[in-house]
Amino acid sequence: MPGPDTAQRGEAGEAAAPAPAVPPAPSFDPAPPAPLGVARTTTGHAGVDARLQRLADADHLAADGHTEVYEDVHRGLRDELTALDARPAPAPTPAHDNRS
């Protein structure tokens, strides 16, 4: 009488060939966001370092969200450079007490 594993074995008691693996269907969904792993070196200028740190936000966004981050960083870096070109305000002169 045939045993429970007879269906898995051929007539001569040999193991049947495994079923071929079915390849996964291709996915047309966008890949999830993944960090690029780009190292950010500090510059020592707090304003610039804060803008560069903002670039890390793009690591967690889909590609269509990168533009907003890049434009924000670009605008901030441009403002930092403009501030370097601005002349410092004149120092306030002390009030003189001209009593005679």
PDB file of N, CA and C in Angstrom:
ATOM      1  N   MET A   1       0.844  -1.176   0.000  1.00  0.00           N
ATOM      2  CA  MET A   1       0.000   0.000   0.000  1.00  0.00           C
ATOM      3  C   MET A   1       0.885   1.234   0.000  1.00  0.00           C
ATOM      4  N   PRO A   2       0.613   2.214  -0.836  1.00  0.00           N
ATOM      5  CA  PRO A   2       1.445   3.400  -0.942  1.00  0.00           C
ATOM      6  C   PRO A   2       1.357   4.245   0.320  1.00  0.00           C
ATOM      7  N   GLY A   3       2.467   4.826   0.712  1.00  0.00           N
ATOM      8  CA  GLY A   3       2.524   5.690   1.902  1.00  0.00           C
ATOM      9  C   GLY A   3       2.179   7.127   1.538  1.00  0.00           C
ATOM     10  N   PRO A   4       2.157   8.024   2.535  1.00  0.00           N
ATOM     11  CA  PRO A   4       1.783   9.417   2.281  1.00  0.00           C
ATOM     12  C   PRO A   4       2.789  10.159   1.406  1.00  0.00           C
ATOM     13  N   ASP A   5       4.031   9.716   1.383  1.00  0.00           N
ATOM     14  CA  ASP A   5       5.010  10.441   0.571  1.00  0.00           C
ATOM     15  C   ASP A   5       5.176   9.822  -0.818  1.00  0.00           C
ATOM     16  N   THR A   6       4.311   8.910  -1.202  1.00  0.00           N
ATOM     17  CA  THR A   6       4.406   8.264  -2.498  1.00  0.00           C
ATOM     18  C   THR A   6       4.169   9.255  -3.624  1.00  0.00           C
ATOM     19  N   ALA A   7       3.327  10.253  -3.390  1.00  0.00           N
ATOM     20  CA  ALA A   7       3.043  11.247  -4.424  1.00  0.00           C
ATOM     21  C   ALA A   7       4.271  12.097  -4.728  1.00  0.00           C
ATOM     22  N   GLN A   8       5.176  12.205  -3.758  1.00  0.00           N
ATOM     23  CA  GLN A   8       6.374  13.003  -3.957  1.00  0.00           C
ATOM     24  C   GLN A   8       7.496  12.184  -4.584  1.00  0.00           C
ATOM     25  N   ARG A   9       7.339  10.874  -4.642  1.00  0.00           N
ATOM     26  CA  ARG A   9       8.383  10.013  -5.191  1.00  0.00           C
ATOM     27  C   ARG A   9       7.907   9.418  -6.504  1.00  0.00           C
ATOM     28  N   GLY A  10       8.831   9.176  -7.359  1.00  0.00           N
ATOM     29  CA  GLY A  10       8.501   8.547  -8.640  1.00  0.00           C
ATOM     30  C   GLY A  10       8.186   7.072  -8.434  1.00  0.00           C
ATOM     31  N   GLU A  11       7.935   6.344  -9.514  1.00  0.00           N
ATOM     32  CA  GLU A  11       7.593   4.934  -9.463  1.00  0.00           C
ATOM     33  C   GLU A  11       8.740   4.107  -8.880  1.00  0.00           C
ATOM     34  N   ALA A  12       9.969   4.510  -9.155  1.00  0.00           N
ATOM     35  CA  ALA A  12      11.112   3.725  -8.706  1.00  0.00           C
ATOM     36  C   ALA A  12      11.565   4.153  -7.325  1.00  0.00           C
ATOM     37  N   GLY A  13      10.821   5.012  -6.630  1.00  0.00           N
ATOM     38  CA  GLY A  13      11.186   5.449  -5.293  1.00  0.00           C
ATOM     39  C   GLY A  13      12.151   6.616  -5.291  1.00  0.00           C
ATOM     40  N   GLU A  14      12.367   7.234  -6.453  1.00  0.00           N
ATOM     41  CA  GLU A  14      13.267   8.376  -6.522  1.00  0.00           C
ATOM     42  C   GLU A  14      12.504   9.645  -6.183  1.00  0.00           C
ATOM     43  N   ALA A  15      13.210  10.626  -5.656  1.00  0.00           N
ATOM     44  CA  ALA A  15      12.577  11.910  -5.324  1.00  0.00           C
ATOM     45  C   ALA A  15      12.192  12.622  -6.603  1.00  0.00           C
ATOM     46  N   ALA A  16      11.002  13.191  -6.619  1.00  0.00           N
ATOM     47  CA  ALA A  16      10.537  13.937  -7.782  1.00  0.00           C
ATOM     48  C   ALA A  16      11.296  15.253  -7.864  1.00  0.00           C
ATOM     49  N   ALA A  17      11.482  15.775  -9.053  1.00  0.00           N
ATOM     50  CA  ALA A  17      12.192  17.045  -9.250  1.00  0.00           C
ATOM     51  C   ALA A  17      11.379  18.175  -8.616  1.00  0.00           C
ATOM     52  N   PRO A  18      12.045  19.123  -7.943  1.00  0.00           N
ATOM     53  CA  PRO A  18      11.311  20.231  -7.338  1.00  0.00           C
ATOM     54  C   PRO A  18      10.677  21.108  -8.420  1.00  0.00           C
ATOM     55  N   ALA A  19       9.576  21.710  -8.063  1.00  0.00           N
ATOM     56  CA  ALA A  19       8.890  22.599  -8.998  1.00  0.00           C
ATOM     57  C   ALA A  19       9.785  23.794  -9.287  1.00  0.00           C
ATOM     58  N   PRO A  20       9.836  24.239 -10.539  1.00  0.00           N
ATOM     59  CA  PRO A  20      10.696  25.395 -10.860  1.00  0.00           C
ATOM     60  C   PRO A  20      10.194  26.634 -10.118  1.00  0.00           C
ATOM     61  N   ALA A  21      11.137  27.442  -9.657  1.00  0.00           N
ATOM     62  CA  ALA A  21      10.796  28.673  -8.940  1.00  0.00           C
ATOM     63  C   ALA A  21      10.198  29.673  -9.922  1.00  0.00           C
ATOM     64  N   VAL A  22       9.126  30.288  -9.517  1.00  0.00           N
ATOM     65  CA  VAL A  22       8.473  31.293 -10.352  1.00  0.00           C
ATOM     66  C   VAL A  22       9.097  32.640 -10.023  1.00  0.00           C
ATOM     67  N   PRO A  23       9.659  33.326 -11.011  1.00  0.00           N
ATOM     68  CA  PRO A  23      10.271  34.632 -10.713  1.00  0.00           C
ATOM     69  C   PRO A  23       9.191  35.622 -10.293  1.00  0.00           C
ATOM     70  N   PRO A  24       9.536  36.536  -9.374  1.00  0.00           N
ATOM     71  CA  PRO A  24       8.541  37.519  -8.942  1.00  0.00           C
ATOM     72  C   PRO A  24       8.158  38.434 -10.099  1.00  0.00           C
ATOM     73  N   ALA A  25       6.922  38.836 -10.083  1.00  0.00           N
ATOM     74  CA  ALA A  25       6.439  39.758 -11.125  1.00  0.00           C
ATOM     75  C   ALA A  25       7.141  41.106 -10.953  1.00  0.00           C
ATOM     76  N   PRO A  26       7.499  41.753 -12.054  1.00  0.00           N
ATOM     77  CA  PRO A  26       8.179  43.051 -11.933  1.00  0.00           C
ATOM     78  C   PRO A  26       7.238  44.081 -11.307  1.00  0.00           C
ATOM     79  N   SER A  27       7.803  44.914 -10.470  1.00  0.00           N
ATOM     80  CA  SER A  27       7.028  45.965  -9.817  1.00  0.00           C
ATOM     81  C   SER A  27       7.292  47.286 -10.522  1.00  0.00           C
ATOM     82  N   PHE A  28       6.240  48.002 -10.804  1.00  0.00           N
ATOM     83  CA  PHE A  28       6.376  49.294 -11.444  1.00  0.00           C
ATOM     84  C   PHE A  28       6.169  50.426 -10.449  1.00  0.00           C
ATOM     85  N   ASP A  29       6.083  50.063  -9.167  1.00  0.00           N
ATOM     86  CA  ASP A  29       5.964  51.071  -8.123  1.00  0.00           C
ATOM     87  C   ASP A  29       7.332  51.712  -7.901  1.00  0.00           C
ATOM     88  N   PRO A  30       7.346  53.002  -7.523  1.00  0.00           N
ATOM     89  CA  PRO A  30       8.644  53.639  -7.262  1.00  0.00           C
ATOM     90  C   PRO A  30       9.330  52.997  -6.061  1.00  0.00           C
ATOM     91  N   ALA A  31      10.620  52.965  -6.120  1.00  0.00           N
ATOM     92  CA  ALA A  31      11.398  52.414  -5.003  1.00  0.00           C
ATOM     93  C   ALA A  31      11.243  53.325  -3.789  1.00  0.00           C
ATOM     94  N   PRO A  32      11.263  52.758  -2.608  1.00  0.00           N
ATOM     95  CA  PRO A  32      11.145  53.598  -1.415  1.00  0.00           C
ATOM     96  C   PRO A  32      12.396  54.463  -1.248  1.00  0.00           C
ATOM     97  N   PRO A  33      12.263  55.588  -0.529  1.00  0.00           N
ATOM     98  CA  PRO A  33      13.431  56.448  -0.308  1.00  0.00           C
ATOM     99  C   PRO A  33      14.528  55.686   0.429  1.00  0.00           C
ATOM    100  N   ALA A  34      15.747  55.971   0.067  1.00  0.00           N
ATOM    101  CA  ALA A  34      16.896  55.341   0.717  1.00  0.00           C
ATOM    102  C   ALA A  34      18.000  56.378   0.856  1.00  0.00           C
ATOM    103  N   PRO A  35      18.624  56.445   2.025  1.00  0.00           N
ATOM    104  CA  PRO A  35      19.723  57.400   2.207  1.00  0.00           C
ATOM    105  C   PRO A  35      20.854  57.131   1.225  1.00  0.00           C
ATOM    106  N   LEU A  36      21.463  58.210   0.746  1.00  0.00           N
ATOM    107  CA  LEU A  36      22.576  58.070  -0.189  1.00  0.00           C
ATOM    108  C   LEU A  36      23.890  57.799   0.536  1.00  0.00           C
ATOM    109  N   GLY A  37      23.927  58.107   1.812  1.00  0.00           N
ATOM    110  CA  GLY A  37      25.133  57.856   2.586  1.00  0.00           C
ATOM    111  C   GLY A  37      26.247  58.845   2.293  1.00  0.00           C
ATOM    112  N   VAL A  38      25.904  60.053   1.866  1.00  0.00           N
ATOM    113  CA  VAL A  38      26.914  61.062   1.569  1.00  0.00           C
ATOM    114  C   VAL A  38      27.331  61.724   2.887  1.00  0.00           C
ATOM    115  N   ALA A  39      28.622  61.723   3.144  1.00  0.00           N
ATOM    116  CA  ALA A  39      29.135  62.338   4.373  1.00  0.00           C
ATOM    117  C   ALA A  39      29.067  63.858   4.260  1.00  0.00           C
ATOM    118  N   ARG A  40      28.657  64.495   5.325  1.00  0.00           N
ATOM    119  CA  ARG A  40      28.588  65.960   5.362  1.00  0.00           C
ATOM    120  C   ARG A  40      29.636  66.453   6.341  1.00  0.00           C
ATOM    121  N   THR A  41      30.581  67.200   5.835  1.00  0.00           N
ATOM    122  CA  THR A  41      31.655  67.734   6.659  1.00  0.00           C
ATOM    123  C   THR A  41      31.262  69.123   7.141  1.00  0.00           C
ATOM    124  N   THR A  42      31.428  69.360   8.428  1.00  0.00           N
ATOM    125  CA  THR A  42      31.089  70.674   8.968  1.00  0.00           C
ATOM    126  C   THR A  42      32.078  71.715   8.466  1.00  0.00           C
ATOM    127  N   THR A  43      31.576  72.939   8.312  1.00  0.00           N
ATOM    128  CA  THR A  43      32.397  74.025   7.800  1.00  0.00           C
ATOM    129  C   THR A  43      32.896  74.944   8.904  1.00  0.00           C
ATOM    130  N   GLY A  44      32.242  74.879  10.063  1.00  0.00           N
ATOM    131  CA  GLY A  44      32.594  75.793  11.136  1.00  0.00           C
ATOM    132  C   GLY A  44      31.747  77.054  11.119  1.00  0.00           C
ATOM    133  N   HIS A  45      30.962  77.242  10.087  1.00  0.00           N
ATOM    134  CA  HIS A  45      30.059  78.389   9.987  1.00  0.00           C
ATOM    135  C   HIS A  45      28.659  77.856  10.284  1.00  0.00           C
ATOM    136  N   ALA A  46      28.089  78.292  11.399  1.00  0.00           N
ATOM    137  CA  ALA A  46      26.830  77.713  11.877  1.00  0.00           C
ATOM    138  C   ALA A  46      25.711  77.798  10.845  1.00  0.00           C
ATOM    139  N   GLY A  47      25.581  78.914  10.140  1.00  0.00           N
ATOM    140  CA  GLY A  47      24.517  79.069   9.148  1.00  0.00           C
ATOM    141  C   GLY A  47      24.660  78.106   7.989  1.00  0.00           C
ATOM    142  N   VAL A  48      25.880  77.931   7.520  1.00  0.00           N
ATOM    143  CA  VAL A  48      26.135  77.019   6.399  1.00  0.00           C
ATOM    144  C   VAL A  48      25.941  75.574   6.854  1.00  0.00           C
ATOM    145  N   ASP A  49      26.445  75.243   8.045  1.00  0.00           N
ATOM    146  CA  ASP A  49      26.296  73.877   8.548  1.00  0.00           C
ATOM    147  C   ASP A  49      24.825  73.500   8.726  1.00  0.00           C
ATOM    148  N   ALA A  50      24.011  74.448   9.176  1.00  0.00           N
ATOM    149  CA  ALA A  50      22.581  74.173   9.332  1.00  0.00           C
ATOM    150  C   ALA A  50      21.939  73.889   7.973  1.00  0.00           C
ATOM    151  N   ARG A  51      22.336  74.626   6.950  1.00  0.00           N
ATOM    152  CA  ARG A  51      21.780  74.400   5.604  1.00  0.00           C
ATOM    153  C   ARG A  51      22.222  73.050   5.052  1.00  0.00           C
ATOM    154  N   LEU A  52      23.479  72.701   5.256  1.00  0.00           N
ATOM    155  CA  LEU A  52      23.971  71.419   4.775  1.00  0.00           C
ATOM    156  C   LEU A  52      23.296  70.257   5.500  1.00  0.00           C
ATOM    157  N   GLN A  53      23.012  70.442   6.780  1.00  0.00           N
ATOM    158  CA  GLN A  53      22.314  69.404   7.538  1.00  0.00           C
ATOM    159  C   GLN A  53      20.897  69.205   7.001  1.00  0.00           C
ATOM    160  N   ARG A  54      20.310  70.266   6.487  1.00  0.00           N
ATOM    161  CA  ARG A  54      18.959  70.197   5.909  1.00  0.00           C
ATOM    162  C   ARG A  54      18.929  69.244   4.716  1.00  0.00           C
ATOM    163  N   LEU A  55      20.058  69.070   4.038  1.00  0.00           N
ATOM    164  CA  LEU A  55      20.114  68.138   2.916  1.00  0.00           C
ATOM    165  C   LEU A  55      19.783  66.707   3.339  1.00  0.00           C
ATOM    166  N   ALA A  56      20.019  66.377   4.604  1.00  0.00           N
ATOM    167  CA  ALA A  56      19.713  65.031   5.089  1.00  0.00           C
ATOM    168  C   ALA A  56      18.220  64.742   5.009  1.00  0.00           C
ATOM    169  N   ASP A  57      17.391  65.781   5.004  1.00  0.00           N
ATOM    170  CA  ASP A  57      15.944  65.576   4.887  1.00  0.00           C
ATOM    171  C   ASP A  57      15.575  64.930   3.557  1.00  0.00           C
ATOM    172  N   ALA A  58      16.358  65.176   2.534  1.00  0.00           N
ATOM    173  CA  ALA A  58      16.065  64.603   1.218  1.00  0.00           C
ATOM    174  C   ALA A  58      16.234  63.084   1.219  1.00  0.00           C
ATOM    175  N   ASP A  59      17.035  62.553   2.139  1.00  0.00           N
ATOM    176  CA  ASP A  59      17.248  61.106   2.207  1.00  0.00           C
ATOM    177  C   ASP A  59      15.971  60.340   2.511  1.00  0.00           C
ATOM    178  N   HIS A  60      15.024  60.987   3.155  1.00  0.00           N
ATOM    179  CA  HIS A  60      13.818  60.296   3.597  1.00  0.00           C
ATOM    180  C   HIS A  60      12.596  60.666   2.767  1.00  0.00           C
ATOM    181  N   LEU A  61      12.807  61.358   1.661  1.00  0.00           N
ATOM    182  CA  LEU A  61      11.706  61.778   0.799  1.00  0.00           C
ATOM    183  C   LEU A  61      11.773  61.054  -0.537  1.00  0.00           C
ATOM    184  N   ALA A  62      10.626  60.932  -1.163  1.00  0.00           N
ATOM    185  CA  ALA A  62      10.610  60.418  -2.534  1.00  0.00           C
ATOM    186  C   ALA A  62      11.276  61.455  -3.433  1.00  0.00           C
ATOM    187  N   ALA A  63      11.665  61.045  -4.611  1.00  0.00           N
ATOM    188  CA  ALA A  63      12.415  61.931  -5.517  1.00  0.00           C
ATOM    189  C   ALA A  63      11.679  63.234  -5.801  1.00  0.00           C
ATOM    190  N   ASP A  64      10.356  63.198  -5.883  1.00  0.00           N
ATOM    191  CA  ASP A  64       9.627  64.432  -6.186  1.00  0.00           C
ATOM    192  C   ASP A  64       9.657  65.425  -5.033  1.00  0.00           C
ATOM    193  N   GLY A  65      10.080  65.010  -3.847  1.00  0.00           N
ATOM    194  CA  GLY A  65      10.202  65.921  -2.716  1.00  0.00           C
ATOM    195  C   GLY A  65      11.583  66.539  -2.582  1.00  0.00           C
ATOM    196  N   HIS A  66      12.549  66.050  -3.362  1.00  0.00           N
ATOM    197  CA  HIS A  66      13.916  66.565  -3.273  1.00  0.00           C
ATOM    198  C   HIS A  66      14.012  68.014  -3.720  1.00  0.00           C
ATOM    199  N   THR A  67      13.250  68.387  -4.725  1.00  0.00           N
ATOM    200  CA  THR A  67      13.343  69.741  -5.279  1.00  0.00           C
ATOM    201  C   THR A  67      13.097  70.792  -4.206  1.00  0.00           C
ATOM    202  N   GLU A  68      12.094  70.589  -3.398  1.00  0.00           N
ATOM    203  CA  GLU A  68      11.778  71.561  -2.349  1.00  0.00           C
ATOM    204  C   GLU A  68      12.937  71.716  -1.368  1.00  0.00           C
ATOM    205  N   VAL A  69      13.543  70.600  -0.981  1.00  0.00           N
ATOM    206  CA  VAL A  69      14.676  70.646  -0.045  1.00  0.00           C
ATOM    207  C   VAL A  69      15.859  71.346  -0.701  1.00  0.00           C
ATOM    208  N   TYR A  70      16.191  70.979  -1.945  1.00  0.00           N
ATOM    209  CA  TYR A  70      17.336  71.576  -2.629  1.00  0.00           C
ATOM    210  C   TYR A  70      17.152  73.077  -2.823  1.00  0.00           C
ATOM    211  N   GLU A  71      15.941  73.485  -3.177  1.00  0.00           N
ATOM    212  CA  GLU A  71      15.689  74.921  -3.356  1.00  0.00           C
ATOM    213  C   GLU A  71      15.803  75.665  -2.029  1.00  0.00           C
ATOM    214  N   ASP A  72      15.318  75.057  -0.957  1.00  0.00           N
ATOM    215  CA  ASP A  72      15.422  75.683   0.357  1.00  0.00           C
ATOM    216  C   ASP A  72      16.886  75.838   0.775  1.00  0.00           C
ATOM    217  N   VAL A  73      17.670  74.795   0.575  1.00  0.00           N
ATOM    218  CA  VAL A  73      19.095  74.853   0.922  1.00  0.00           C
ATOM    219  C   VAL A  73      19.803  75.881   0.050  1.00  0.00           C
ATOM    220  N   HIS A  74      19.518  75.894  -1.226  1.00  0.00           N
ATOM    221  CA  HIS A  74      20.151  76.855  -2.131  1.00  0.00           C
ATOM    222  C   HIS A  74      19.824  78.287  -1.704  1.00  0.00           C
ATOM    223  N   ARG A  75      18.559  78.539  -1.394  1.00  0.00           N
ATOM    224  CA  ARG A  75      18.146  79.876  -0.963  1.00  0.00           C
ATOM    225  C   ARG A  75      18.880  80.273   0.327  1.00  0.00           C
ATOM    226  N   GLY A  76      18.975  79.346   1.265  1.00  0.00           N
ATOM    227  CA  GLY A  76      19.661  79.632   2.524  1.00  0.00           C
ATOM    228  C   GLY A  76      21.144  79.888   2.345  1.00  0.00           C
ATOM    229  N   LEU A  77      21.798  79.089   1.494  1.00  0.00           N
ATOM    230  CA  LEU A  77      23.228  79.308   1.246  1.00  0.00           C
ATOM    231  C   LEU A  77      23.464  80.635   0.526  1.00  0.00           C
ATOM    232  N   ARG A  78      22.576  80.972  -0.393  1.00  0.00           N
ATOM    233  CA  ARG A  78      22.687  82.261  -1.081  1.00  0.00           C
ATOM    234  C   ARG A  78      22.539  83.406  -0.083  1.00  0.00           C
ATOM    235  N   ASP A  79      21.602  83.280   0.862  1.00  0.00           N
ATOM    236  CA  ASP A  79      21.429  84.309   1.895  1.00  0.00           C
ATOM    237  C   ASP A  79      22.669  84.425   2.785  1.00  0.00           C
ATOM    238  N   GLU A  80      23.275  83.281   3.095  1.00  0.00           N
ATOM    239  CA  GLU A  80      24.501  83.302   3.907  1.00  0.00           C
ATOM    240  C   GLU A  80      25.631  84.020   3.165  1.00  0.00           C
ATOM    241  N   LEU A  81      25.771  83.758   1.874  1.00  0.00           N
ATOM    242  CA  LEU A  81      26.807  84.430   1.087  1.00  0.00           C
ATOM    243  C   LEU A  81      26.527  85.925   0.961  1.00  0.00           C
ATOM    244  N   THR A  82      25.275  86.286   0.782  1.00  0.00           N
ATOM    245  CA  THR A  82      24.908  87.700   0.693  1.00  0.00           C
ATOM    246  C   THR A  82      25.225  88.413   1.992  1.00  0.00           C
ATOM    247  N   ALA A  83      24.984  87.751   3.104  1.00  0.00           N
ATOM    248  CA  ALA A  83      25.275  88.357   4.413  1.00  0.00           C
ATOM    249  C   ALA A  83      26.776  88.601   4.578  1.00  0.00           C
ATOM    250  N   LEU A  84      27.607  87.751   3.993  1.00  0.00           N
ATOM    251  CA  LEU A  84      29.053  87.968   4.078  1.00  0.00           C
ATOM    252  C   LEU A  84      29.483  89.207   3.303  1.00  0.00           C
ATOM    253  N   ASP A  85      28.771  89.525   2.220  1.00  0.00           N
ATOM    254  CA  ASP A  85      29.102  90.687   1.408  1.00  0.00           C
ATOM    255  C   ASP A  85      28.562  91.993   1.981  1.00  0.00           C
ATOM    256  N   ALA A  86      27.596  91.903   2.872  1.00  0.00           N
ATOM    257  CA  ALA A  86      26.988  93.113   3.437  1.00  0.00           C
ATOM    258  C   ALA A  86      27.988  93.809   4.358  1.00  0.00           C
ATOM    259  N   ARG A  87      27.976  95.114   4.292  1.00  0.00           N
ATOM    260  CA  ARG A  87      28.861  95.870   5.172  1.00  0.00           C
ATOM    261  C   ARG A  87      28.287  95.865   6.576  1.00  0.00           C
ATOM    262  N   PRO A  88      29.139  95.765   7.555  1.00  0.00           N
ATOM    263  CA  PRO A  88      28.621  95.792   8.924  1.00  0.00           C
ATOM    264  C   PRO A  88      28.053  97.173   9.239  1.00  0.00           C
ATOM    265  N   ALA A  89      27.054  97.166  10.058  1.00  0.00           N
ATOM    266  CA  ALA A  89      26.445  98.434  10.467  1.00  0.00           C
ATOM    267  C   ALA A  89      27.465  99.214  11.291  1.00  0.00           C
ATOM    268  N   PRO A  90      27.452 100.533  11.173  1.00  0.00           N
ATOM    269  CA  PRO A  90      28.407 101.316  11.970  1.00  0.00           C
ATOM    270  C   PRO A  90      28.132 101.142  13.463  1.00  0.00           C
ATOM    271  N   ALA A  91      29.204 101.153  14.197  1.00  0.00           N
ATOM    272  CA  ALA A  91      29.074 101.015  15.647  1.00  0.00           C
ATOM    273  C   ALA A  91      28.392 102.267  16.200  1.00  0.00           C
ATOM    274  N   PRO A  92      27.494 102.060  17.170  1.00  0.00           N
ATOM    275  CA  PRO A  92      26.827 103.239  17.734  1.00  0.00           C
ATOM    276  C   PRO A  92      27.835 104.105  18.477  1.00  0.00           C
ATOM    277  N   THR A  93      27.694 105.383  18.305  1.00  0.00           N
ATOM    278  CA  THR A  93      28.594 106.305  19.010  1.00  0.00           C
ATOM    279  C   THR A  93      28.054 106.564  20.396  1.00  0.00           C
ATOM    280  N   PRO A  94      28.924 106.619  21.375  1.00  0.00           N
ATOM    281  CA  PRO A  94      28.447 106.869  22.739  1.00  0.00           C
ATOM    282  C   PRO A  94      27.906 108.287  22.846  1.00  0.00           C
ATOM    283  N   ALA A  95      26.885 108.434  23.602  1.00  0.00           N
ATOM    284  CA  ALA A  95      26.304 109.764  23.833  1.00  0.00           C
ATOM    285  C   ALA A  95      27.275 110.568  24.709  1.00  0.00           C
ATOM    286  N   HIS A  96      27.513 111.795  24.319  1.00  0.00           N
ATOM    287  CA  HIS A  96      28.419 112.646  25.091  1.00  0.00           C
ATOM    288  C   HIS A  96      27.598 113.559  25.993  1.00  0.00           C
ATOM    289  N   ASP A  97      28.063 113.669  27.157  1.00  0.00           N
ATOM    290  CA  ASP A  97      27.407 114.587  28.097  1.00  0.00           C
ATOM    291  C   ASP A  97      28.234 115.876  28.080  1.00  0.00           C
ATOM    292  N   ASN A  98      27.785 116.841  27.319  1.00  0.00           N
ATOM    293  CA  ASN A  98      28.522 118.086  27.156  1.00  0.00           C
ATOM    294  C   ASN A  98      28.048 119.130  28.171  1.00  0.00           C
ATOM    295  N   ARG A  99      28.384 118.932  29.381  1.00  0.00           N
ATOM    296  CA  ARG A  99      28.070 119.960  30.379  1.00  0.00           C
ATOM    297  C   ARG A  99      29.304 120.809  30.593  1.00  0.00           C
ATOM    298  N   SER A 100      29.048 122.070  30.765  1.00  0.00           N
ATOM    299  CA  SER A 100      30.179 122.918  31.045  1.00  0.00           C
ATOM    300  C   SER A 100      30.152 123.406  32.458  1.00  0.00           C
TER     301      SER A 100
END
